[in-house]
Protein backbone atom coordinates (compact mmCIF):
# COMPACT_ATOMS: atom_id res chain seq x y z
CA UNK A 1 0.00 0.01 0.00
CA UNK A 2 1.47 3.38 -0.88
CA UNK A 3 0.79 6.68 0.86
CA UNK A 4 -2.30 7.23 -1.29
CA UNK A 5 -3.86 3.90 -0.28
CA UNK A 6 -3.21 2.32 -3.71
CA UNK A 7 -2.46 -1.40 -3.36
CA UNK A 8 0.79 -2.87 -4.67
CA UNK A 9 -1.18 -5.10 -7.00
CA UNK A 10 -3.03 -2.14 -8.60
CA UNK A 11 0.15 -0.12 -8.93
CA UNK A 12 1.90 -3.12 -10.60
CA UNK A 13 -1.10 -3.43 -12.95
CA UNK A 14 -0.64 0.26 -13.90
CA UNK A 15 3.08 -0.21 -14.49
CA UNK A 16 3.07 -3.61 -16.33
CA UNK A 17 -0.09 -3.13 -18.37
CA UNK A 18 -0.33 0.63 -18.77
CA UNK A 19 -2.63 0.43 -21.79
CA UNK A 20 -5.09 -1.81 -20.04
CA UNK A 21 -4.84 0.27 -16.87
CA UNK A 22 -5.67 3.46 -18.85
CA UNK A 23 -8.64 1.71 -20.49
CA UNK A 24 -9.85 0.60 -17.03
CA UNK A 25 -9.50 4.16 -15.59
CA UNK A 26 -11.37 5.58 -18.60
CA UNK A 27 -14.20 3.11 -18.06
CA UNK A 28 -14.29 3.93 -14.32
CA UNK A 29 -14.51 7.68 -15.07
CA UNK A 30 -17.38 7.15 -17.58
CA UNK A 31 -19.23 4.94 -15.14
CA UNK A 32 -18.74 7.55 -12.46
CA UNK A 33 -20.05 10.31 -14.71
CA UNK A 34 -23.15 8.22 -15.53
CA UNK A 35 -23.90 7.36 -11.85
CA UNK A 36 -27.06 8.85 -10.33
CA UNK A 37 -25.68 8.28 -6.85
CA UNK A 38 -24.19 11.13 -4.86
CA UNK A 39 -20.39 10.70 -4.36
CA UNK A 40 -20.67 9.58 -0.69
CA UNK A 41 -23.24 6.89 -1.41
CA UNK A 42 -21.18 5.75 -4.40
CA UNK A 43 -18.05 5.42 -2.28
CA UNK A 44 -19.94 3.50 0.44
CA UNK A 45 -21.45 1.17 -2.12
CA UNK A 46 -18.01 0.46 -3.58
CA UNK A 47 -16.73 -0.36 -0.14
CA UNK A 48 -19.65 -2.78 0.36
CA UNK A 49 -18.94 -4.57 -2.88
CA UNK A 50 -15.19 -4.83 -2.14
CA UNK A 51 -15.85 -6.23 1.34
CA UNK A 52 -18.39 -8.77 0.15
CA UNK A 53 -16.12 -9.88 -2.67
CA UNK A 54 -13.14 -10.09 -0.26
CA UNK A 55 -11.12 -7.64 -2.35
CA UNK A 56 -9.55 -6.19 0.78
CA UNK A 57 -6.62 -4.51 -0.93
CA UNK A 58 -8.91 -1.81 -2.48
CA UNK A 59 -10.73 -1.01 0.77
CA UNK A 60 -8.20 1.48 2.27
CA UNK A 61 -8.21 3.63 -0.89
CA UNK A 62 -12.02 3.69 -1.05
CA UNK A 63 -12.37 4.36 2.68
CA UNK A 64 -10.34 7.47 2.13
CA UNK A 65 -12.57 8.39 -0.81
CA UNK A 66 -15.66 7.96 1.45
CA UNK A 67 -14.12 10.09 4.18
CA UNK A 68 -13.38 12.79 1.61
CA UNK A 69 -17.15 12.92 0.93
CA UNK A 70 -17.94 13.19 4.69
CA UNK A 71 -18.77 9.53 5.38
CA UNK A 72 -18.67 8.83 9.08
CA UNK A 73 -16.93 5.80 10.64
CA UNK A 74 -20.24 4.31 11.41
CA UNK A 75 -21.37 4.68 7.76
CA UNK A 76 -18.21 3.04 6.52
CA UNK A 77 -18.61 0.12 9.00
CA UNK A 78 -22.24 -0.24 7.92
CA UNK A 79 -21.12 -0.37 4.28
CA UNK A 80 -18.71 -3.17 5.06
CA UNK A 81 -21.47 -5.03 6.99
CA UNK A 82 -24.20 -4.55 4.43
CA UNK A 83 -22.66 -7.55 2.66
CA UNK A 84 -23.09 -9.65 5.78
CA UNK A 85 -25.21 -12.21 3.96
CA UNK A 86 -22.03 -12.91 2.00
CA UNK A 87 -20.65 -14.23 5.39
CA UNK A 88 -22.52 -17.45 4.53
CA UNK A 89 -20.35 -17.75 1.44
CA UNK A 90 -17.18 -17.33 3.51
CA UNK A 91 -18.36 -19.87 6.01
CA UNK A 92 -19.15 -22.28 3.22
CA UNK A 93 -15.58 -21.77 1.98
CA UNK A 94 -14.17 -22.77 5.39
CA UNK A 95 -13.86 -19.55 7.35
CA UNK A 96 -14.65 -20.29 11.03
CA UNK A 97 -13.92 -16.97 12.71
CA UNK A 98 -14.66 -13.42 11.57
CA UNK A 99 -13.61 -10.44 13.60
CA UNK A 100 -14.25 -6.69 13.54
CA UNK A 101 -13.09 -3.69 15.60
CA UNK A 102 -16.56 -2.24 16.21
CA UNK A 103 -19.24 -3.14 18.68
CA UNK A 104 -20.86 -5.67 16.41
CA UNK A 105 -21.66 -6.99 12.99
CA UNK A 106 -25.27 -6.08 13.22
CA UNK A 107 -26.94 -2.80 12.27
CA UNK A 108 -27.13 -0.10 14.96
CA UNK A 109 -29.28 -1.20 17.89
CA UNK A 110 -31.87 1.56 17.50
CA UNK A 111 -32.35 0.66 13.78
CA UNK A 112 -32.93 -2.97 14.65
CA UNK A 113 -35.35 -2.10 17.39
CA UNK A 114 -37.26 0.37 15.22
CA UNK A 115 -37.71 -2.22 12.51
CA UNK A 116 -38.68 -4.85 15.04
CA UNK A 117 -41.33 -2.60 16.75
CA UNK A 118 -42.61 -1.49 13.29
CA UNK A 119 -43.03 -5.13 12.00
CA UNK A 120 -42.87 -7.43 15.01
CA UNK A 121 -40.44 -9.51 12.94
CA UNK A 122 -37.69 -10.90 15.14
CA UNK A 123 -35.50 -11.48 12.10
CA UNK A 124 -34.53 -7.81 12.42
CA UNK A 125 -32.89 -8.47 15.79
CA UNK A 126 -29.16 -9.34 15.80
CA UNK A 127 -29.01 -11.37 12.56
CA UNK A 128 -25.26 -11.78 12.70
CA UNK A 129 -25.51 -13.32 16.12
CA UNK A 130 -28.23 -15.74 15.06
CA UNK A 131 -26.43 -16.71 11.85
CA UNK A 132 -24.10 -18.80 14.04
CA UNK A 133 -27.08 -21.01 14.88
CA UNK A 134 -27.52 -21.85 11.17
CA UNK A 135 -23.89 -22.41 10.25
CA UNK A 136 -20.91 -23.13 12.50
CA UNK A 137 -18.84 -19.93 12.80
CA UNK A 138 -17.88 -17.48 15.49
CA UNK A 139 -17.71 -13.73 15.23
CA UNK A 140 -15.51 -11.63 17.46
CA UNK A 141 -16.33 -8.00 18.19
CA UNK A 142 -14.42 -5.02 19.55
CA UNK A 143 -10.95 -6.20 18.45
CA UNK A 144 -8.03 -3.87 18.97
CA UNK A 145 -4.79 -3.17 17.11
CA UNK A 146 -5.99 -4.47 13.74
CA UNK A 147 -3.90 -1.74 12.09
CA UNK A 148 -0.78 -3.44 13.36
CA UNK A 149 -1.43 -6.60 11.33
CA UNK A 150 0.64 -7.05 8.13
CA UNK A 151 -2.50 -7.04 5.94
CA UNK A 152 -5.69 -9.02 5.47
CA UNK A 153 -3.80 -12.30 5.42
CA UNK A 154 -0.35 -13.71 6.21
CA UNK A 155 -1.02 -14.55 9.88
CA UNK A 156 -3.00 -16.93 12.03
CA UNK A 157 -5.43 -16.06 14.80
CA UNK A 158 -5.99 -17.79 18.07
CA UNK A 159 -9.19 -17.05 20.02
CA UNK A 160 -8.99 -18.04 23.66
CA UNK A 161 -12.54 -17.73 25.12
CA UNK A 162 -13.42 -17.74 28.81
CA UNK A 163 -15.93 -20.54 29.49
CA UNK A 164 -18.92 -19.45 31.41
CA UNK A 165 -21.34 -22.25 32.51
CA UNK A 166 -24.63 -21.89 30.76
CA UNK A 167 -23.66 -18.98 28.62
CA UNK A 168 -23.71 -18.78 24.82
CA UNK A 169 -21.07 -16.07 24.65
CA UNK A 170 -18.18 -14.64 26.62
CA UNK A 171 -15.11 -12.43 26.31
CA UNK A 172 -12.07 -13.82 24.65
CA UNK A 173 -8.35 -13.11 24.34
CA UNK A 174 -7.60 -12.88 20.62
CA UNK A 175 -4.01 -13.20 19.50
CA UNK A 176 -2.48 -12.82 16.06
CA UNK A 177 0.35 -15.23 15.34
CA UNK A 178 2.68 -13.68 12.79
């Protein structure tokens, strides 16, 4: 990643296939000009697609774009999480633990509650938490120091939970093994 948030892979693409890279950038500019979305919504949507497709190397660049258009941290996290149904795809591919540095994978509590009270549909309540009942996976919330990791891969993670009799969740000590 360079100082502008451009991944090494994209920079190499631009250097090694400059004609193709220019054609790509021309297409991106034309699509951007044709878009009916405001710039902030467009940036957040792009983050959502990158996160759902596991194209993590592009996320830092597009987070900077979203921030430039006044997207808040909560909006950026929500954009990443809007693709939560794609978690099922990750779990099907063998992922057993998914972690995040925010308070949860679910939508903001007040939004979930408002939808629940409006519809009486319990599916609006904590869907990420209940997903673990359908497929075997664990999600870990409120992680710290993620920025110190070498990238989205290249390390192992060990989660050491505290067992509490009769509980379905507890705190855990999460350690990255580099």
